[in-house]
Amino acid sequence: MNRFLLGLALFTISCGKGEDTGVAPAACAQDVDGAYPTWGTFGESFFLSYCRSCHSAETPQRFGAPDAINFDSEEEVLSQLAAVRRAVLTDQSMPKGGGVPEAERAVLARYLDCLESPP
């Protein structure tokens, strides 16, 4: 009986992954050229273009962005993965002052999926 309850609890926890953002993680998917989005091919330039003007350890004027939320490295993005999904993909509340084009949001979703579940 205890094993059943433990199994049920683990199943419930694993199925709930991603629920807080409204966007469930998917399997890491390739683009039309057969490549996976990586930090070097997509992530670094995306976060430099849309996020680091406020979310970087090097940014002197953060415009209210919390000091602890930076996107200078892939590890920092991974540590804030659920928040990035929610703010950019679900709520589209980031970046402030303008949204990310739909095509780039689609690649961001694949990139975050690949970070969470590498190929």
N, C-alpha and C. Protein backbone atom coordinates (compact mmCIF):
# COMPACT_ATOMS: atom_id res chain seq x y z
N MET A 1 0.83 -1.20 0.00
CA MET A 1 0.00 0.00 0.00
C MET A 1 0.86 1.25 0.00
N ASN A 2 1.93 1.29 0.82
CA ASN A 2 2.79 2.46 0.87
C ASN A 2 3.48 2.72 -0.46
N ARG A 3 3.87 1.64 -1.16
CA ARG A 3 4.50 1.81 -2.47
C ARG A 3 3.52 2.41 -3.47
N PHE A 4 2.27 1.99 -3.38
CA PHE A 4 1.24 2.53 -4.25
C PHE A 4 1.09 4.03 -4.03
N LEU A 5 1.01 4.46 -2.77
CA LEU A 5 0.86 5.88 -2.47
C LEU A 5 2.08 6.67 -2.90
N LEU A 6 3.26 6.11 -2.70
CA LEU A 6 4.49 6.78 -3.13
C LEU A 6 4.49 6.92 -4.65
N GLY A 7 4.13 5.85 -5.35
CA GLY A 7 4.07 5.90 -6.81
C GLY A 7 3.06 6.92 -7.30
N LEU A 8 1.90 6.96 -6.65
CA LEU A 8 0.87 7.92 -7.02
C LEU A 8 1.35 9.35 -6.79
N ALA A 9 2.03 9.57 -5.68
CA ALA A 9 2.55 10.91 -5.38
C ALA A 9 3.59 11.32 -6.41
N LEU A 10 4.51 10.42 -6.76
CA LEU A 10 5.53 10.75 -7.76
C LEU A 10 4.91 10.99 -9.12
N PHE A 11 3.91 10.21 -9.49
CA PHE A 11 3.21 10.42 -10.75
C PHE A 11 2.54 11.78 -10.78
N THR A 12 1.88 12.14 -9.70
CA THR A 12 1.19 13.43 -9.61
C THR A 12 2.17 14.58 -9.72
N ILE A 13 3.31 14.47 -9.05
CA ILE A 13 4.33 15.53 -9.10
C ILE A 13 4.88 15.65 -10.51
N SER A 14 5.22 14.53 -11.14
CA SER A 14 5.81 14.61 -12.48
C SER A 14 4.82 15.11 -13.51
N CYS A 15 3.54 14.78 -13.37
CA CYS A 15 2.54 15.26 -14.31
C CYS A 15 2.26 16.74 -14.12
N GLY A 16 2.51 17.26 -12.96
CA GLY A 16 2.25 18.66 -12.69
C GLY A 16 3.35 19.57 -13.16
N LYS A 17 4.44 19.03 -13.66
CA LYS A 17 5.58 19.84 -14.08
C LYS A 17 5.16 20.82 -15.16
N GLY A 18 5.41 22.11 -14.94
CA GLY A 18 5.08 23.12 -15.92
C GLY A 18 3.71 23.74 -15.73
N GLU A 19 2.88 23.23 -14.81
CA GLU A 19 1.53 23.74 -14.65
C GLU A 19 1.49 25.18 -14.18
N ASP A 20 2.45 25.61 -13.39
CA ASP A 20 2.42 26.96 -12.86
C ASP A 20 2.60 28.02 -13.93
N THR A 21 3.06 27.65 -15.11
CA THR A 21 3.29 28.61 -16.17
C THR A 21 2.20 28.60 -17.23
N GLY A 22 1.39 27.56 -17.23
CA GLY A 22 0.39 27.43 -18.27
C GLY A 22 0.96 26.87 -19.56
N VAL A 23 2.28 26.67 -19.62
CA VAL A 23 2.93 26.10 -20.80
C VAL A 23 3.69 24.87 -20.35
N ALA A 24 3.18 23.72 -20.70
CA ALA A 24 3.85 22.48 -20.32
C ALA A 24 5.08 22.28 -21.20
N PRO A 25 6.17 21.81 -20.61
CA PRO A 25 7.35 21.55 -21.42
C PRO A 25 7.08 20.42 -22.41
N ALA A 26 7.66 20.53 -23.57
CA ALA A 26 7.52 19.51 -24.60
C ALA A 26 8.88 18.86 -24.81
N ALA A 27 8.89 17.84 -25.63
CA ALA A 27 10.16 17.22 -25.97
C ALA A 27 11.00 18.20 -26.79
N CYS A 28 12.28 18.11 -26.65
CA CYS A 28 13.20 18.96 -27.40
C CYS A 28 13.03 18.66 -28.89
N ALA A 29 12.74 19.69 -29.67
CA ALA A 29 12.45 19.49 -31.09
C ALA A 29 13.49 20.20 -31.97
N GLN A 30 13.75 19.58 -33.09
CA GLN A 30 14.67 20.16 -34.07
C GLN A 30 13.95 21.20 -34.91
N ASP A 31 14.75 22.12 -35.50
CA ASP A 31 14.17 23.06 -36.45
C ASP A 31 14.11 22.41 -37.82
N VAL A 32 13.68 23.15 -38.82
CA VAL A 32 13.52 22.58 -40.17
C VAL A 32 14.84 22.11 -40.76
N ASP A 33 15.96 22.63 -40.28
CA ASP A 33 17.28 22.21 -40.76
C ASP A 33 17.82 21.01 -39.99
N GLY A 34 17.05 20.52 -39.02
CA GLY A 34 17.49 19.37 -38.24
C GLY A 34 18.36 19.71 -37.05
N ALA A 35 18.49 21.00 -36.73
CA ALA A 35 19.31 21.43 -35.60
C ALA A 35 18.44 21.73 -34.38
N TYR A 36 19.03 21.61 -33.21
CA TYR A 36 18.36 21.98 -31.97
C TYR A 36 18.79 23.39 -31.60
N PRO A 37 17.89 24.20 -31.06
CA PRO A 37 18.31 25.54 -30.61
C PRO A 37 19.21 25.39 -29.38
N THR A 38 20.33 26.09 -29.39
CA THR A 38 21.29 26.03 -28.28
C THR A 38 21.57 27.44 -27.78
N TRP A 39 22.35 27.53 -26.72
CA TRP A 39 22.77 28.84 -26.22
C TRP A 39 23.53 29.59 -27.32
N GLY A 40 24.43 28.90 -28.00
CA GLY A 40 25.25 29.54 -29.03
C GLY A 40 24.50 29.91 -30.29
N THR A 41 23.50 29.12 -30.67
CA THR A 41 22.78 29.39 -31.91
C THR A 41 21.54 30.24 -31.72
N PHE A 42 21.02 30.31 -30.50
CA PHE A 42 19.81 31.08 -30.28
C PHE A 42 19.77 31.81 -28.92
N GLY A 43 19.96 31.08 -27.86
CA GLY A 43 19.73 31.61 -26.51
C GLY A 43 20.50 32.88 -26.18
N GLU A 44 21.80 32.86 -26.41
CA GLU A 44 22.61 34.02 -26.03
C GLU A 44 22.16 35.29 -26.76
N SER A 45 21.93 35.19 -28.06
CA SER A 45 21.52 36.39 -28.80
C SER A 45 20.10 36.82 -28.42
N PHE A 46 19.20 35.86 -28.15
CA PHE A 46 17.85 36.20 -27.73
C PHE A 46 17.87 36.98 -26.41
N PHE A 47 18.57 36.45 -25.41
CA PHE A 47 18.58 37.10 -24.11
C PHE A 47 19.35 38.42 -24.14
N LEU A 48 20.35 38.52 -25.01
CA LEU A 48 21.04 39.80 -25.19
C LEU A 48 20.10 40.83 -25.81
N SER A 49 19.34 40.43 -26.80
CA SER A 49 18.44 41.35 -27.50
C SER A 49 17.25 41.78 -26.66
N TYR A 50 16.65 40.86 -25.93
CA TYR A 50 15.38 41.14 -25.27
C TYR A 50 15.43 41.28 -23.75
N CYS A 51 16.48 40.80 -23.11
CA CYS A 51 16.44 40.70 -21.64
C CYS A 51 17.56 41.40 -20.89
N ARG A 52 18.76 41.35 -21.42
CA ARG A 52 19.91 41.81 -20.65
C ARG A 52 20.00 43.32 -20.45
N SER A 53 19.21 44.10 -21.14
CA SER A 53 19.26 45.54 -20.88
C SER A 53 18.79 45.83 -19.46
N CYS A 54 18.02 44.94 -18.87
CA CYS A 54 17.58 45.06 -17.47
C CYS A 54 18.08 43.91 -16.60
N HIS A 55 18.25 42.72 -17.20
CA HIS A 55 18.58 41.51 -16.44
C HIS A 55 20.00 41.03 -16.72
N SER A 56 20.98 41.82 -16.31
CA SER A 56 22.38 41.44 -16.43
C SER A 56 23.13 41.95 -15.21
N ALA A 57 24.08 41.18 -14.75
CA ALA A 57 24.91 41.61 -13.62
C ALA A 57 25.71 42.86 -13.98
N GLU A 58 25.91 43.09 -15.27
CA GLU A 58 26.69 44.24 -15.75
C GLU A 58 25.84 45.48 -16.01
N THR A 59 24.52 45.37 -15.89
CA THR A 59 23.62 46.48 -16.21
C THR A 59 23.53 47.45 -15.05
N PRO A 60 23.96 48.70 -15.22
CA PRO A 60 23.91 49.66 -14.12
C PRO A 60 22.49 50.13 -13.79
N GLN A 61 21.65 50.34 -14.81
CA GLN A 61 20.27 50.80 -14.59
C GLN A 61 19.34 49.65 -14.96
N ARG A 62 18.78 48.98 -13.94
CA ARG A 62 17.98 47.78 -14.15
C ARG A 62 16.50 48.07 -14.32
N PHE A 63 16.09 49.30 -14.19
CA PHE A 63 14.69 49.69 -14.36
C PHE A 63 13.74 48.83 -13.53
N GLY A 64 14.15 48.54 -12.29
CA GLY A 64 13.31 47.79 -11.37
C GLY A 64 13.47 46.28 -11.42
N ALA A 65 14.27 45.76 -12.32
CA ALA A 65 14.47 44.31 -12.38
C ALA A 65 15.18 43.84 -11.12
N PRO A 66 14.74 42.74 -10.52
CA PRO A 66 15.39 42.23 -9.31
C PRO A 66 16.86 41.92 -9.55
N ASP A 67 17.71 42.26 -8.58
CA ASP A 67 19.15 42.02 -8.71
C ASP A 67 19.50 40.56 -8.93
N ALA A 68 18.70 39.66 -8.39
CA ALA A 68 19.02 38.23 -8.46
C ALA A 68 18.60 37.57 -9.76
N ILE A 69 17.91 38.29 -10.64
CA ILE A 69 17.46 37.68 -11.90
C ILE A 69 18.27 38.25 -13.05
N ASN A 70 19.24 37.44 -13.49
CA ASN A 70 20.12 37.81 -14.59
C ASN A 70 20.10 36.70 -15.64
N PHE A 71 20.38 37.08 -16.87
CA PHE A 71 20.40 36.13 -17.97
C PHE A 71 21.71 36.25 -18.75
N ASP A 72 22.81 36.27 -18.01
CA ASP A 72 24.13 36.37 -18.61
C ASP A 72 24.67 35.02 -19.07
N SER A 73 24.08 33.93 -18.59
CA SER A 73 24.55 32.60 -18.94
C SER A 73 23.38 31.64 -19.07
N GLU A 74 23.64 30.54 -19.73
CA GLU A 74 22.60 29.53 -19.89
C GLU A 74 22.17 28.97 -18.53
N GLU A 75 23.11 28.86 -17.60
CA GLU A 75 22.78 28.36 -16.26
C GLU A 75 21.79 29.28 -15.56
N GLU A 76 21.95 30.59 -15.74
CA GLU A 76 21.02 31.53 -15.13
C GLU A 76 19.63 31.43 -15.78
N VAL A 77 19.59 31.22 -17.08
CA VAL A 77 18.30 31.03 -17.76
C VAL A 77 17.64 29.77 -17.23
N LEU A 78 18.40 28.69 -17.13
CA LEU A 78 17.86 27.43 -16.63
C LEU A 78 17.30 27.57 -15.22
N SER A 79 17.97 28.36 -14.39
CA SER A 79 17.50 28.55 -13.01
C SER A 79 16.20 29.34 -12.94
N GLN A 80 15.86 30.07 -14.00
CA GLN A 80 14.64 30.88 -14.06
C GLN A 80 13.70 30.40 -15.16
N LEU A 81 13.84 29.14 -15.55
CA LEU A 81 13.11 28.61 -16.69
C LEU A 81 11.60 28.80 -16.58
N ALA A 82 11.01 28.46 -15.46
CA ALA A 82 9.55 28.60 -15.31
C ALA A 82 9.12 30.06 -15.40
N ALA A 83 9.90 30.95 -14.81
CA ALA A 83 9.57 32.38 -14.85
C ALA A 83 9.68 32.92 -16.27
N VAL A 84 10.68 32.47 -17.02
CA VAL A 84 10.83 32.92 -18.41
C VAL A 84 9.65 32.42 -19.24
N ARG A 85 9.29 31.16 -19.08
CA ARG A 85 8.12 30.62 -19.80
C ARG A 85 6.88 31.46 -19.53
N ARG A 86 6.65 31.73 -18.25
CA ARG A 86 5.45 32.46 -17.86
C ARG A 86 5.48 33.89 -18.39
N ALA A 87 6.58 34.61 -18.17
CA ALA A 87 6.64 36.03 -18.52
C ALA A 87 6.69 36.28 -20.02
N VAL A 88 7.43 35.45 -20.76
CA VAL A 88 7.60 35.70 -22.19
C VAL A 88 6.58 34.94 -23.04
N LEU A 89 6.32 33.69 -22.68
CA LEU A 89 5.46 32.86 -23.52
C LEU A 89 3.98 32.92 -23.13
N THR A 90 3.70 32.82 -21.84
CA THR A 90 2.30 32.76 -21.41
C THR A 90 1.70 34.15 -21.26
N ASP A 91 2.26 34.96 -20.37
CA ASP A 91 1.70 36.28 -20.08
C ASP A 91 2.10 37.32 -21.12
N GLN A 92 3.20 37.09 -21.81
CA GLN A 92 3.80 38.04 -22.75
C GLN A 92 3.96 39.42 -22.10
N SER A 93 4.37 39.41 -20.82
CA SER A 93 4.57 40.64 -20.07
C SER A 93 6.02 41.11 -20.11
N MET A 94 6.89 40.30 -20.66
CA MET A 94 8.29 40.65 -20.82
C MET A 94 8.65 40.42 -22.28
N PRO A 95 9.53 41.25 -22.79
CA PRO A 95 10.17 42.39 -22.16
C PRO A 95 9.20 43.56 -22.02
N LYS A 96 9.50 44.40 -21.06
CA LYS A 96 8.68 45.60 -20.86
C LYS A 96 8.82 46.49 -22.09
N GLY A 97 7.75 47.12 -22.46
CA GLY A 97 7.80 48.06 -23.57
C GLY A 97 7.67 47.43 -24.94
N GLY A 98 7.50 46.14 -25.02
CA GLY A 98 7.33 45.54 -26.33
C GLY A 98 7.51 44.06 -26.29
N GLY A 99 6.72 43.38 -27.05
CA GLY A 99 6.75 41.93 -27.05
C GLY A 99 7.74 41.34 -28.01
N VAL A 100 7.86 40.05 -27.91
CA VAL A 100 8.73 39.27 -28.77
C VAL A 100 7.88 38.77 -29.95
N PRO A 101 8.35 38.90 -31.18
CA PRO A 101 7.59 38.40 -32.33
C PRO A 101 7.25 36.92 -32.16
N GLU A 102 6.11 36.54 -32.70
CA GLU A 102 5.62 35.17 -32.56
C GLU A 102 6.63 34.12 -33.02
N ALA A 103 7.31 34.37 -34.11
CA ALA A 103 8.29 33.39 -34.62
C ALA A 103 9.41 33.18 -33.62
N GLU A 104 9.87 34.26 -32.98
CA GLU A 104 10.94 34.12 -31.98
C GLU A 104 10.43 33.47 -30.70
N ARG A 105 9.17 33.72 -30.34
CA ARG A 105 8.59 33.03 -29.18
C ARG A 105 8.54 31.52 -29.42
N ALA A 106 8.25 31.13 -30.65
CA ALA A 106 8.21 29.70 -30.97
C ALA A 106 9.59 29.06 -30.81
N VAL A 107 10.62 29.75 -31.28
CA VAL A 107 11.98 29.22 -31.13
C VAL A 107 12.38 29.24 -29.64
N LEU A 108 12.00 30.28 -28.91
CA LEU A 108 12.28 30.33 -27.48
C LEU A 108 11.64 29.14 -26.77
N ALA A 109 10.41 28.83 -27.12
CA ALA A 109 9.73 27.68 -26.50
C ALA A 109 10.52 26.40 -26.75
N ARG A 110 10.98 26.20 -27.99
CA ARG A 110 11.78 25.00 -28.30
C ARG A 110 13.10 25.02 -27.56
N TYR A 111 13.74 26.20 -27.48
CA TYR A 111 15.00 26.32 -26.75
C TYR A 111 14.82 25.95 -25.28
N LEU A 112 13.77 26.48 -24.65
CA LEU A 112 13.52 26.18 -23.24
C LEU A 112 13.19 24.70 -23.05
N ASP A 113 12.45 24.11 -23.99
CA ASP A 113 12.17 22.68 -23.93
C ASP A 113 13.47 21.88 -23.99
N CYS A 114 14.40 22.29 -24.86
CA CYS A 114 15.68 21.60 -24.99
C CYS A 114 16.56 21.79 -23.76
N LEU A 115 16.46 22.95 -23.11
CA LEU A 115 17.19 23.15 -21.87
C LEU A 115 16.68 22.21 -20.79
N GLU A 116 15.38 22.07 -20.73
CA GLU A 116 14.75 21.24 -19.71
C GLU A 116 14.92 19.75 -19.99
N SER A 117 14.84 19.38 -21.24
CA SER A 117 14.95 17.97 -21.64
C SER A 117 15.90 17.87 -22.83
N PRO A 118 17.21 17.90 -22.58
CA PRO A 118 18.19 17.90 -23.70
C PRO A 118 18.01 16.68 -24.60
N PRO A 119 18.36 16.88 -25.89
CA PRO A 119 18.21 15.77 -26.86
C PRO A 119 19.16 14.62 -26.54
